[in-house]
Amino acid sequence: MDVVIVDDVDINLVLLNRLMDQVGGCRVHSFLLPLEALAFCHTTVPDLLLVDYLMPELDGISLVRQFRAIPGREDIPVLMVTASDERSVRVQALEAGANDFLAKPLERTEFFARTRNMLALRRNQTRLANRAQWLQEEVAKATTELRLRDSETIACISRIAEYRDPETGLHTQRMAHYSLLIAQHLGLPADVQQLLFDAAPLHDVGKVGIPDSILLKPGKLTPEEFETMKTHSRIGHQALVVGRSKLMQMAATIAISHHEKFDGSGYPAGLVGEAIPLAGRIVAVADVFDALTSARPYKAAWPVERALQLLRDGAGGHFDPVCVDAFLAQFDAVLATKARLDDPALTA
């Protein structure tokens, strides 16, 4: 352990060094000048500071006070060596941050007992700190593993949905990236951004409960068929909301809210404005843009500018205008993502 000894008298330093040698297990750093000792303590964290009280350059109380002000030195054990029996001196030293005292002239048994106690205190501090760090790392590992499991679950469910509607594969990837770009521009916390990105691909998972005759119909749906199609938002929510993780809860929220419209004309609940969960408002913009600019067997892809105009015209009606503005602000990144993840077979 690293022990710093400060005393302005040579013979005292020699004596203290020899006593510390007998304590054992320590690297001793000796200083005649208190300011040199302080400079050393700025770059090296000692395990014990042993300091004299009466010194001409800087007394022990002032040295301890300045030592305690160094970040990370608040809990290092400090022993003060003093010939003073004045109660006021000891009170000042304790207030400055000293932990214990050694009286001059030094008595060997007392010296060994007090220094060993202080070093044992420091060892326990270090063990607790290491234990806390280990626990933090274990929690981080467990959290990462849980996130990985959730992500794998999302990926598996998404793959199942793709078997029902093969056109959704790259669509879900693109709209998830677009959603992330919006969330980033809005300044959402990093963990919320990640949840949104991971959960967005399940926005239409409820379509697994829609009959093929409607889901895969190449032409326009009849009003009755469209009412059936609209049930996919509740089906997706019911399937996902049973999951207790934050990721599954986010996916459930997106599933039931991404077809709501800002003016209240959407479904399934006709929510208005900020009553619509923010995740749903974000995904609505990303989902519609990608659906419009992607080719389908029953339609050609819209030109990008036409799709953008629909978003602008729909701000405040279909879409949250704040989310539209965030999407437009990130549009260079949107185009880069679209180019990277476009399916050449479906690109018009």
Protein backbone atom coordinates (compact mmCIF):
# COMPACT_ATOMS: atom_id res chain seq x y z
CA MET A 1 0.00 0.00 0.00
CA ASP A 2 1.16 3.55 -0.72
CA VAL A 3 1.87 5.61 2.39
CA VAL A 4 2.73 9.32 2.20
CA ILE A 5 4.66 10.76 5.14
CA VAL A 6 5.12 14.52 5.53
CA ASP A 7 7.40 16.01 8.17
CA ASP A 8 9.78 18.96 7.87
CA VAL A 9 12.41 17.35 10.16
CA ASP A 10 14.81 14.82 8.57
CA ILE A 11 15.28 12.68 11.66
CA ASN A 12 11.51 12.37 12.09
CA LEU A 13 11.17 11.13 8.51
CA VAL A 14 13.91 8.55 9.09
CA LEU A 15 12.16 7.31 12.23
CA LEU A 16 8.73 7.14 10.59
CA ASN A 17 10.16 5.29 7.59
CA ARG A 18 11.77 2.68 9.83
CA LEU A 19 8.55 2.19 11.77
CA MET A 20 6.58 1.78 8.53
CA ASP A 21 9.13 -0.81 7.35
CA GLN A 22 8.23 -2.83 10.43
CA VAL A 23 4.52 -2.50 9.68
CA GLY A 24 5.30 -4.13 6.31
CA GLY A 25 3.52 -4.32 2.98
CA CYS A 26 3.88 -0.61 2.23
CA ARG A 27 5.61 1.68 -0.27
CA VAL A 28 6.60 4.81 1.64
CA HIS A 29 6.83 8.21 -0.05
CA SER A 30 8.53 10.73 2.24
CA PHE A 31 8.39 14.52 1.90
CA LEU A 32 10.05 17.33 3.83
CA LEU A 33 8.01 19.96 1.96
CA PRO A 34 4.20 19.83 2.33
CA LEU A 35 3.56 21.40 -1.09
CA GLU A 36 5.63 18.69 -2.78
CA ALA A 37 3.58 16.09 -0.93
CA LEU A 38 0.36 17.73 -2.16
CA ALA A 39 1.62 17.75 -5.75
CA PHE A 40 2.42 14.04 -5.43
CA CYS A 41 -1.05 13.32 -4.04
CA HIS A 42 -2.62 15.01 -7.07
CA THR A 43 -1.15 12.31 -9.32
CA THR A 44 -1.02 9.32 -6.95
CA VAL A 45 -3.79 8.12 -4.66
CA PRO A 46 -2.18 7.16 -1.34
CA ASP A 47 -3.66 4.56 0.99
CA LEU A 48 -2.58 6.48 4.09
CA LEU A 49 -1.43 10.05 4.71
CA LEU A 50 0.72 10.48 7.80
CA VAL A 51 1.36 14.18 8.44
CA ASP A 52 3.05 16.28 11.11
CA TYR A 53 1.11 19.17 12.63
CA LEU A 54 3.76 21.84 13.16
CA MET A 55 5.49 22.71 9.87
CA PRO A 56 6.66 26.19 8.78
CA GLU A 57 5.63 26.08 5.11
CA LEU A 58 2.13 24.68 5.60
CA ASP A 59 0.81 23.31 8.87
CA GLY A 60 -0.70 19.85 9.06
CA ILE A 61 -4.29 21.06 9.36
CA SER A 62 -4.02 23.17 6.19
CA LEU A 63 -2.32 20.30 4.40
CA VAL A 64 -5.10 17.88 5.34
CA ARG A 65 -7.77 20.38 4.26
CA GLN A 66 -6.14 20.82 0.84
CA PHE A 67 -5.58 17.07 0.52
CA ARG A 68 -9.29 16.41 1.14
CA ALA A 69 -10.16 18.91 -1.60
CA ILE A 70 -8.42 16.75 -4.22
CA PRO A 71 -11.06 14.67 -6.06
CA GLY A 72 -11.03 11.04 -4.95
CA ARG A 73 -9.14 11.76 -1.72
CA GLU A 74 -12.18 12.34 0.45
CA ASP A 75 -12.03 8.96 2.22
CA ILE A 76 -8.30 8.24 2.38
CA PRO A 77 -7.24 7.59 6.01
CA VAL A 78 -5.23 10.45 7.55
CA LEU A 79 -3.09 10.21 10.69
CA MET A 80 -1.79 13.41 12.23
CA VAL A 81 1.35 13.43 14.39
CA THR A 82 1.28 16.18 16.99
CA ALA A 83 2.94 17.12 20.26
CA SER A 84 0.03 19.41 21.07
CA ASP A 85 -2.47 18.29 23.67
CA GLU A 86 -4.72 21.26 23.01
CA ARG A 87 -8.28 20.15 22.38
CA SER A 88 -8.84 22.99 19.89
CA VAL A 89 -6.02 21.71 17.66
CA ARG A 90 -7.48 18.24 17.54
CA VAL A 91 -10.97 19.57 16.84
CA GLN A 92 -9.63 21.66 13.95
CA ALA A 93 -7.75 18.66 12.60
CA LEU A 94 -10.86 16.47 12.75
CA GLU A 95 -12.89 19.18 11.03
CA ALA A 96 -10.23 19.39 8.30
CA GLY A 97 -10.49 15.65 7.70
CA ALA A 98 -7.98 13.88 9.97
CA ASN A 99 -9.10 10.44 11.13
CA ASP A 100 -6.79 9.81 14.10
CA PHE A 101 -3.79 11.15 15.99
CA LEU A 102 -0.35 10.03 17.10
CA ALA A 103 1.21 11.83 20.03
CA LYS A 104 4.88 12.84 20.18
CA PRO A 105 7.11 11.33 21.31
CA LEU A 106 5.98 8.31 19.30
CA GLU A 107 5.35 5.09 21.14
CA ARG A 108 5.96 2.01 19.00
CA THR A 109 3.01 -0.08 20.12
CA GLU A 110 0.58 2.77 19.65
CA PHE A 111 2.12 3.62 16.25
CA PHE A 112 1.74 0.06 14.98
CA ALA A 113 -1.83 -0.24 16.28
CA ARG A 114 -3.04 3.04 14.76
CA THR A 115 -1.31 2.68 11.38
CA ARG A 116 -2.45 -0.92 11.01
CA ASN A 117 -6.01 0.12 11.87
CA MET A 118 -5.89 2.88 9.26
CA LEU A 119 -4.47 0.54 6.61
CA ALA A 120 -7.10 -2.07 7.45
CA LEU A 121 -9.76 0.63 7.02
CA ARG A 122 -8.32 1.46 3.61
CA ARG A 123 -8.23 -2.20 2.56
CA ASN A 124 -11.89 -2.55 3.47
CA GLN A 125 -12.72 0.62 1.53
CA THR A 126 -10.93 -0.81 -1.50
CA ARG A 127 -12.68 -4.16 -1.19
CA LEU A 128 -16.06 -2.45 -0.99
CA ALA A 129 -15.24 -0.25 -3.98
CA ASN A 130 -14.08 -3.26 -5.96
CA ARG A 131 -17.19 -5.15 -4.91
CA ALA A 132 -19.39 -2.26 -6.02
CA GLN A 133 -17.55 -2.10 -9.35
CA TRP A 134 -17.93 -5.86 -9.79
CA LEU A 135 -21.66 -5.68 -9.02
CA GLN A 136 -22.04 -2.80 -11.48
CA GLU A 137 -20.29 -4.81 -14.17
CA GLU A 138 -22.42 -7.88 -13.43
CA VAL A 139 -25.61 -5.82 -13.63
CA ALA A 140 -24.41 -4.38 -16.94
CA LYS A 141 -23.71 -7.89 -18.24
CA ALA A 142 -27.12 -9.14 -17.13
CA THR A 143 -28.82 -6.11 -18.69
CA THR A 144 -26.97 -6.70 -21.95
CA GLU A 145 -27.99 -10.35 -21.94
CA LEU A 146 -31.63 -9.43 -21.31
CA ARG A 147 -31.53 -6.88 -24.12
CA LEU A 148 -30.01 -9.49 -26.42
CA ARG A 149 -32.75 -11.97 -25.55
CA ASP A 150 -35.43 -9.36 -26.16
CA SER A 151 -33.81 -8.39 -29.47
CA GLU A 152 -33.68 -12.03 -30.51
CA THR A 153 -37.35 -12.38 -29.61
CA ILE A 154 -38.20 -9.32 -31.69
CA ALA A 155 -36.17 -10.69 -34.61
CA CYS A 156 -37.92 -14.06 -34.45
CA ILE A 157 -41.38 -12.50 -34.30
CA SER A 158 -40.49 -10.19 -37.19
CA ARG A 159 -39.33 -13.17 -39.23
CA ILE A 160 -42.65 -14.95 -38.59
CA ALA A 161 -44.51 -11.83 -39.73
CA GLU A 162 -42.43 -11.74 -42.91
CA TYR A 163 -43.63 -15.21 -43.85
CA ARG A 164 -47.19 -13.84 -43.90
CA ASP A 165 -46.24 -10.64 -45.71
CA PRO A 166 -42.84 -10.97 -47.44
CA GLU A 167 -42.85 -7.30 -48.48
CA THR A 168 -42.31 -6.19 -44.88
CA GLY A 169 -38.69 -7.35 -44.47
CA LEU A 170 -36.63 -4.38 -45.65
CA HIS A 171 -39.53 -2.06 -44.92
CA THR A 172 -39.29 -2.78 -41.20
CA GLN A 173 -35.54 -2.20 -41.25
CA ARG A 174 -35.81 1.10 -43.08
CA MET A 175 -38.64 2.50 -41.01
CA ALA A 176 -36.82 1.48 -37.80
CA HIS A 177 -33.79 3.48 -38.91
CA TYR A 178 -35.98 6.43 -39.89
CA SER A 179 -37.65 6.27 -36.48
CA LEU A 180 -34.25 6.31 -34.80
CA LEU A 181 -33.21 9.40 -36.77
CA ILE A 182 -36.34 11.23 -35.64
CA ALA A 183 -35.79 10.19 -32.02
CA GLN A 184 -32.17 11.37 -32.17
CA HIS A 185 -33.18 14.77 -33.50
CA LEU A 186 -35.80 15.10 -30.77
CA GLY A 187 -33.07 14.47 -28.20
CA LEU A 188 -34.68 11.46 -26.57
CA PRO A 189 -32.52 9.59 -24.04
CA ALA A 190 -30.16 7.05 -25.61
CA ASP A 191 -31.91 4.09 -23.97
CA VAL A 192 -35.30 5.24 -25.31
CA GLN A 193 -33.81 5.67 -28.78
CA GLN A 194 -32.52 2.10 -28.65
CA LEU A 195 -35.85 0.74 -27.43
CA LEU A 196 -37.66 2.55 -30.23
CA PHE A 197 -35.25 1.25 -32.85
CA ASP A 198 -35.51 -2.34 -31.60
CA ALA A 199 -39.31 -2.28 -31.19
CA ALA A 200 -40.35 -0.42 -34.36
CA PRO A 201 -40.08 -3.49 -36.66
CA LEU A 202 -43.04 -5.05 -34.82
CA HIS A 203 -45.40 -2.18 -35.57
CA ASP A 204 -47.49 -4.31 -37.97
CA VAL A 205 -46.98 -7.72 -36.38
CA GLY A 206 -50.73 -7.94 -35.78
CA LYS A 207 -51.18 -8.55 -39.51
CA VAL A 208 -50.44 -12.21 -38.80
CA GLY A 209 -54.05 -12.31 -37.61
CA ILE A 210 -55.50 -10.88 -40.84
CA PRO A 211 -56.87 -13.38 -43.43
CA ASP A 212 -54.72 -13.84 -46.53
CA SER A 213 -57.64 -12.85 -48.73
CA ILE A 214 -57.39 -9.36 -47.24
CA LEU A 215 -53.72 -9.11 -46.31
CA LEU A 216 -52.47 -10.21 -49.74
CA LYS A 217 -55.24 -8.71 -51.84
CA PRO A 218 -53.59 -6.94 -54.82
CA GLY A 219 -56.40 -4.41 -55.30
CA LYS A 220 -58.16 -1.84 -53.14
CA LEU A 221 -59.88 -3.14 -50.03
CA THR A 222 -63.63 -2.80 -49.61
CA PRO A 223 -64.83 -0.80 -46.57
CA GLU A 224 -65.61 -4.05 -44.77
CA GLU A 225 -62.19 -5.49 -45.59
CA PHE A 226 -60.49 -2.31 -44.42
CA GLU A 227 -62.30 -2.53 -41.08
CA THR A 228 -60.90 -6.04 -40.73
CA MET A 229 -57.42 -4.83 -41.69
CA LYS A 230 -57.60 -2.11 -39.03
CA THR A 231 -57.88 -4.77 -36.32
CA HIS A 232 -54.19 -5.62 -36.80
CA SER A 233 -53.20 -2.79 -34.44
CA ARG A 234 -55.18 -4.30 -31.55
CA ILE A 235 -54.08 -7.83 -32.43
CA GLY A 236 -50.43 -6.75 -32.33
CA HIS A 237 -50.90 -4.94 -29.04
CA GLN A 238 -52.65 -7.91 -27.43
CA ALA A 239 -49.85 -10.23 -28.52
CA LEU A 240 -47.03 -7.98 -27.33
CA VAL A 241 -48.38 -6.38 -24.17
CA VAL A 242 -48.07 -9.65 -22.23
CA GLY A 243 -44.30 -9.22 -22.40
CA ARG A 244 -42.99 -7.56 -19.24
CA SER A 245 -39.75 -6.14 -20.62
CA LYS A 246 -39.43 -2.47 -21.58
CA LEU A 247 -38.77 -3.53 -25.16
CA MET A 248 -41.96 -5.59 -25.46
CA GLN A 249 -43.98 -2.84 -23.79
CA MET A 250 -42.55 -0.32 -26.26
CA ALA A 251 -43.43 -2.65 -29.16
CA ALA A 252 -46.97 -3.03 -27.83
CA THR A 253 -47.36 0.74 -27.55
CA ILE A 254 -46.14 1.26 -31.12
CA ALA A 255 -48.39 -1.51 -32.48
CA ILE A 256 -51.57 0.07 -31.12
CA SER A 257 -50.74 3.74 -31.67
CA HIS A 258 -48.89 4.14 -35.00
CA HIS A 259 -52.16 4.42 -36.98
CA GLU A 260 -53.54 7.15 -34.73
CA LYS A 261 -53.61 10.59 -36.36
CA PHE A 262 -52.70 13.89 -34.77
CA ASP A 263 -56.14 15.37 -35.48
CA GLY A 264 -57.96 12.39 -33.93
CA SER A 265 -59.13 10.78 -37.17
CA GLY A 266 -56.94 7.70 -36.83
CA TYR A 267 -57.54 4.28 -35.30
CA PRO A 268 -58.12 2.27 -33.17
CA ALA A 269 -58.91 4.80 -30.39
CA GLY A 270 -59.14 8.15 -32.23
CA LEU A 271 -56.52 9.71 -29.93
CA VAL A 272 -55.68 13.39 -30.46
CA GLY A 273 -52.33 15.20 -30.40
CA GLU A 274 -50.01 14.40 -27.54
CA ALA A 275 -52.48 11.84 -26.17
CA ILE A 276 -50.92 9.61 -28.83
CA PRO A 277 -47.74 8.05 -27.39
CA LEU A 278 -44.64 9.76 -28.80
CA ALA A 279 -43.29 6.45 -30.08
CA GLY A 280 -46.46 6.00 -32.14
CA ARG A 281 -46.22 9.53 -33.53
CA ILE A 282 -42.60 8.96 -34.55
CA VAL A 283 -43.25 5.61 -36.19
CA ALA A 284 -46.26 7.00 -38.07
CA VAL A 285 -44.02 9.40 -39.99
CA ALA A 286 -41.32 6.80 -40.67
CA ASP A 287 -43.81 4.09 -41.65
CA VAL A 288 -45.85 6.21 -44.07
CA PHE A 289 -42.79 7.66 -45.80
CA ASP A 290 -41.30 4.25 -46.40
CA ALA A 291 -44.60 2.71 -47.49
CA LEU A 292 -45.13 5.50 -50.03
CA THR A 293 -41.61 5.39 -51.47
CA SER A 294 -41.51 1.59 -51.75
CA ALA A 295 -42.88 -0.33 -54.73
CA ARG A 296 -45.52 -2.99 -54.11
CA PRO A 297 -47.10 -5.50 -56.49
CA TYR A 298 -50.22 -3.33 -56.45
CA LYS A 299 -48.53 0.09 -56.75
CA ALA A 300 -45.40 1.87 -57.94
CA ALA A 301 -43.10 3.67 -55.55
CA TRP A 302 -43.87 7.36 -55.14
CA PRO A 303 -41.13 9.84 -55.99
CA VAL A 304 -39.41 11.04 -52.82
CA GLU A 305 -40.49 14.65 -53.28
CA ARG A 306 -44.15 13.63 -53.62
CA ALA A 307 -43.94 11.62 -50.39
CA LEU A 308 -42.28 14.57 -48.63
CA GLN A 309 -45.05 16.87 -49.77
CA LEU A 310 -47.62 14.49 -48.30
CA LEU A 311 -45.77 14.61 -44.96
CA ARG A 312 -45.66 18.42 -45.05
CA ASP A 313 -49.35 18.64 -45.98
CA GLY A 314 -50.22 16.11 -43.29
CA ALA A 315 -48.34 17.88 -40.47
CA GLY A 316 -50.89 18.79 -37.82
CA GLY A 317 -53.50 16.53 -39.42
CA HIS A 318 -52.24 13.01 -39.92
CA PHE A 319 -48.82 13.62 -38.36
CA ASP A 320 -47.29 15.33 -35.36
CA PRO A 321 -45.66 18.43 -36.92
CA VAL A 322 -42.72 18.19 -34.52
CA CYS A 323 -41.97 14.66 -35.74
CA VAL A 324 -42.30 15.76 -39.38
CA ASP A 325 -39.85 18.62 -38.77
CA ALA A 326 -37.41 16.21 -37.09
CA PHE A 327 -37.67 13.82 -40.04
CA LEU A 328 -37.04 16.61 -42.54
CA ALA A 329 -34.09 17.88 -40.51
CA GLN A 330 -32.49 14.44 -40.80
CA PHE A 331 -33.38 13.95 -44.43
CA ASP A 332 -29.81 13.53 -45.74
CA ALA A 333 -29.42 10.61 -43.33
CA VAL A 334 -32.84 9.29 -44.38
CA LEU A 335 -31.78 9.22 -48.03
CA ALA A 336 -28.50 7.50 -47.14
CA THR A 337 -30.40 4.84 -45.20
CA LYS A 338 -32.89 4.39 -48.01
CA ALA A 339 -30.11 3.90 -50.56
CA ARG A 340 -28.36 1.39 -48.31
CA LEU A 341 -31.46 -0.69 -47.51
CA ASP A 342 -33.52 -0.41 -50.71
CA ASP A 343 -34.56 -3.64 -52.37
CA PRO A 344 -33.53 -3.35 -56.03
CA ALA A 345 -36.27 -5.79 -57.02
CA LEU A 346 -38.93 -3.43 -55.72
CA THR A 347 -37.38 -0.06 -56.49
CA ALA A 348 -39.32 1.84 -59.14
